[in-house]
């Protein structure tokens, strides 16, 4: 059996989704706007093969405007 996922399960690199449960459970609200935005930026830089993301602090500051 091949370890390669079928095409329909391959990661889309142009977008990412926010889990519906983050919204409906109010976890996103509890995080607050800045943390939720930071989460989105971190997800933007996630590896499309394994989902891991390691943007540098400089990159996070550049894309969020936060220090």
N, C-alpha and C. Protein backbone atom coordinates (compact mmCIF):
# COMPACT_ATOMS: atom_id res chain seq x y z
N UNK A 1 0.84 -1.19 0.00
CA UNK A 1 0.00 0.00 0.00
C UNK A 1 0.88 1.24 0.00
N UNK A 2 0.54 2.19 -0.79
CA UNK A 2 1.31 3.43 -0.92
C UNK A 2 1.07 4.35 0.27
N UNK A 3 2.13 5.06 0.71
CA UNK A 3 2.00 6.04 1.78
C UNK A 3 1.47 7.37 1.27
N UNK A 4 1.39 7.52 -0.05
CA UNK A 4 0.92 8.78 -0.62
C UNK A 4 -0.59 8.88 -0.49
N UNK A 5 -1.05 10.04 -0.05
CA UNK A 5 -2.49 10.27 0.08
C UNK A 5 -3.12 10.42 -1.29
N UNK A 6 -4.38 10.01 -1.42
CA UNK A 6 -5.09 10.25 -2.68
C UNK A 6 -5.16 11.75 -2.94
N UNK A 7 -5.25 12.13 -4.22
CA UNK A 7 -5.27 13.54 -4.59
C UNK A 7 -6.33 14.34 -3.85
N UNK A 8 -7.49 13.75 -3.59
CA UNK A 8 -8.55 14.51 -2.95
C UNK A 8 -8.20 14.90 -1.51
N UNK A 9 -7.17 14.28 -0.92
CA UNK A 9 -6.77 14.60 0.44
C UNK A 9 -5.50 15.45 0.51
N UNK A 10 -4.93 15.79 -0.63
CA UNK A 10 -3.71 16.59 -0.62
C UNK A 10 -4.00 17.99 -0.11
N UNK A 11 -3.05 18.53 0.62
CA UNK A 11 -3.20 19.87 1.21
C UNK A 11 -3.25 20.93 0.12
N UNK A 12 -4.12 21.88 0.31
CA UNK A 12 -4.19 23.04 -0.56
C UNK A 12 -3.25 24.09 0.03
N UNK A 13 -2.29 24.54 -0.73
CA UNK A 13 -1.30 25.46 -0.19
C UNK A 13 -1.71 26.92 -0.29
N UNK A 14 -2.78 27.21 -0.98
CA UNK A 14 -3.21 28.60 -1.14
C UNK A 14 -4.19 29.07 -0.08
N UNK A 15 -4.63 28.17 0.80
CA UNK A 15 -5.59 28.57 1.81
C UNK A 15 -5.47 27.62 3.00
N UNK A 16 -6.03 28.01 4.09
CA UNK A 16 -6.17 27.12 5.23
C UNK A 16 -7.53 27.40 5.85
N UNK A 17 -7.99 26.48 6.66
CA UNK A 17 -9.30 26.68 7.26
C UNK A 17 -9.18 26.83 8.77
N UNK A 18 -10.15 27.48 9.32
CA UNK A 18 -10.29 27.57 10.77
C UNK A 18 -11.33 26.54 11.15
N UNK A 19 -11.01 25.73 12.11
CA UNK A 19 -11.95 24.70 12.52
C UNK A 19 -13.25 25.32 13.02
N UNK A 20 -14.35 24.81 12.54
CA UNK A 20 -15.66 25.30 12.96
C UNK A 20 -15.81 25.25 14.48
N UNK A 21 -15.23 24.24 15.08
CA UNK A 21 -15.35 24.11 16.53
C UNK A 21 -14.65 25.24 17.27
N UNK A 22 -13.63 25.85 16.66
CA UNK A 22 -12.98 27.00 17.30
C UNK A 22 -13.96 28.17 17.42
N UNK A 23 -14.86 28.28 16.46
CA UNK A 23 -15.84 29.36 16.48
C UNK A 23 -17.02 28.98 17.37
N UNK A 24 -17.59 27.80 17.12
CA UNK A 24 -18.81 27.42 17.85
C UNK A 24 -18.58 27.17 19.33
N UNK A 25 -17.37 26.79 19.72
CA UNK A 25 -17.07 26.58 21.14
C UNK A 25 -16.65 27.87 21.83
N UNK A 26 -16.52 28.93 21.03
CA UNK A 26 -16.09 30.25 21.50
C UNK A 26 -14.64 30.30 21.92
N UNK A 27 -13.84 29.28 21.54
CA UNK A 27 -12.40 29.31 21.81
C UNK A 27 -11.75 30.49 21.10
N UNK A 28 -12.18 30.78 19.88
CA UNK A 28 -11.59 31.90 19.14
C UNK A 28 -11.86 33.21 19.86
N UNK A 29 -13.06 33.37 20.39
CA UNK A 29 -13.41 34.59 21.13
C UNK A 29 -12.56 34.68 22.40
N UNK A 30 -12.39 33.56 23.08
CA UNK A 30 -11.61 33.54 24.31
C UNK A 30 -10.13 33.84 24.06
N UNK A 31 -9.64 33.47 22.87
CA UNK A 31 -8.26 33.79 22.52
C UNK A 31 -8.07 35.30 22.38
N UNK A 32 -9.06 35.95 21.86
CA UNK A 32 -8.95 37.38 21.58
C UNK A 32 -8.47 37.60 20.16
N UNK A 33 -8.69 38.80 19.68
CA UNK A 33 -8.39 39.13 18.29
C UNK A 33 -6.93 38.99 17.91
N UNK A 34 -6.03 39.49 18.74
CA UNK A 34 -4.61 39.43 18.40
C UNK A 34 -4.09 37.99 18.35
N UNK A 35 -4.47 37.19 19.33
CA UNK A 35 -4.01 35.80 19.35
C UNK A 35 -4.60 35.02 18.18
N UNK A 36 -5.87 35.28 17.86
CA UNK A 36 -6.50 34.59 16.74
C UNK A 36 -5.85 34.99 15.42
N UNK A 37 -5.51 36.26 15.28
CA UNK A 37 -4.80 36.73 14.09
C UNK A 37 -3.42 36.08 14.00
N UNK A 38 -2.72 36.02 15.12
CA UNK A 38 -1.40 35.38 15.17
C UNK A 38 -1.52 33.91 14.76
N UNK A 39 -2.55 33.23 15.25
CA UNK A 39 -2.81 31.84 14.86
C UNK A 39 -2.95 31.73 13.35
N UNK A 40 -3.68 32.66 12.74
CA UNK A 40 -3.85 32.65 11.29
C UNK A 40 -2.54 32.82 10.54
N UNK A 41 -1.68 33.71 11.04
CA UNK A 41 -0.37 33.91 10.40
C UNK A 41 0.48 32.67 10.54
N UNK A 42 0.48 32.06 11.72
CA UNK A 42 1.26 30.83 11.92
C UNK A 42 0.76 29.75 10.98
N UNK A 43 -0.55 29.61 10.84
CA UNK A 43 -1.11 28.62 9.92
C UNK A 43 -0.74 28.91 8.47
N UNK A 44 -0.59 30.18 8.13
CA UNK A 44 -0.20 30.56 6.77
C UNK A 44 1.16 29.97 6.40
N UNK A 45 2.05 29.85 7.38
CA UNK A 45 3.40 29.35 7.12
C UNK A 45 3.54 27.86 7.42
N UNK A 46 2.45 27.15 7.61
CA UNK A 46 2.51 25.72 7.91
C UNK A 46 2.97 24.92 6.70
N UNK A 47 3.73 23.89 6.97
CA UNK A 47 4.17 22.96 5.95
C UNK A 47 2.95 22.21 5.43
N UNK A 48 2.73 22.20 4.14
CA UNK A 48 1.53 21.58 3.57
C UNK A 48 1.56 20.06 3.66
N UNK A 49 2.71 19.48 3.92
CA UNK A 49 2.79 18.02 4.02
C UNK A 49 2.48 17.50 5.42
N UNK A 50 2.95 18.21 6.44
CA UNK A 50 2.76 17.68 7.80
C UNK A 50 2.06 18.65 8.74
N UNK A 51 1.77 19.87 8.28
CA UNK A 51 1.04 20.82 9.10
C UNK A 51 1.86 21.57 10.13
N UNK A 52 3.15 21.24 10.25
CA UNK A 52 3.99 21.93 11.23
C UNK A 52 4.36 23.31 10.72
N UNK A 53 4.54 24.25 11.65
CA UNK A 53 4.84 25.62 11.29
C UNK A 53 5.84 26.21 12.26
N UNK A 54 6.92 26.76 11.73
CA UNK A 54 7.96 27.33 12.56
C UNK A 54 8.43 28.69 12.03
N UNK A 55 7.51 29.66 11.84
CA UNK A 55 7.97 30.97 11.38
C UNK A 55 8.80 31.64 12.49
N UNK A 56 9.76 32.42 12.09
CA UNK A 56 10.60 33.10 13.07
C UNK A 56 9.81 34.23 13.74
N UNK A 57 10.31 34.70 14.86
CA UNK A 57 9.68 35.84 15.53
C UNK A 57 9.68 37.06 14.62
N UNK A 58 10.76 37.25 13.86
CA UNK A 58 10.82 38.38 12.92
C UNK A 58 9.72 38.27 11.86
N UNK A 59 9.49 37.06 11.36
CA UNK A 59 8.43 36.86 10.37
C UNK A 59 7.06 37.14 10.99
N UNK A 60 6.84 36.66 12.19
CA UNK A 60 5.56 36.90 12.87
C UNK A 60 5.34 38.40 13.08
N UNK A 61 6.38 39.10 13.49
CA UNK A 61 6.27 40.54 13.69
C UNK A 61 5.99 41.26 12.37
N UNK A 62 6.67 40.83 11.30
CA UNK A 62 6.49 41.47 10.00
C UNK A 62 5.05 41.31 9.49
N UNK A 63 4.48 40.13 9.64
CA UNK A 63 3.17 39.86 9.06
C UNK A 63 2.01 40.22 9.98
N UNK A 64 2.27 40.43 11.27
CA UNK A 64 1.18 40.80 12.18
C UNK A 64 1.25 42.26 12.61
N UNK A 65 2.44 42.86 12.52
CA UNK A 65 2.61 44.21 13.03
C UNK A 65 2.73 44.25 14.54
N UNK A 66 2.81 43.08 15.15
CA UNK A 66 2.95 42.99 16.61
C UNK A 66 4.43 42.89 16.98
N UNK A 67 4.73 43.28 18.19
CA UNK A 67 6.11 43.14 18.67
C UNK A 67 6.15 42.22 19.87
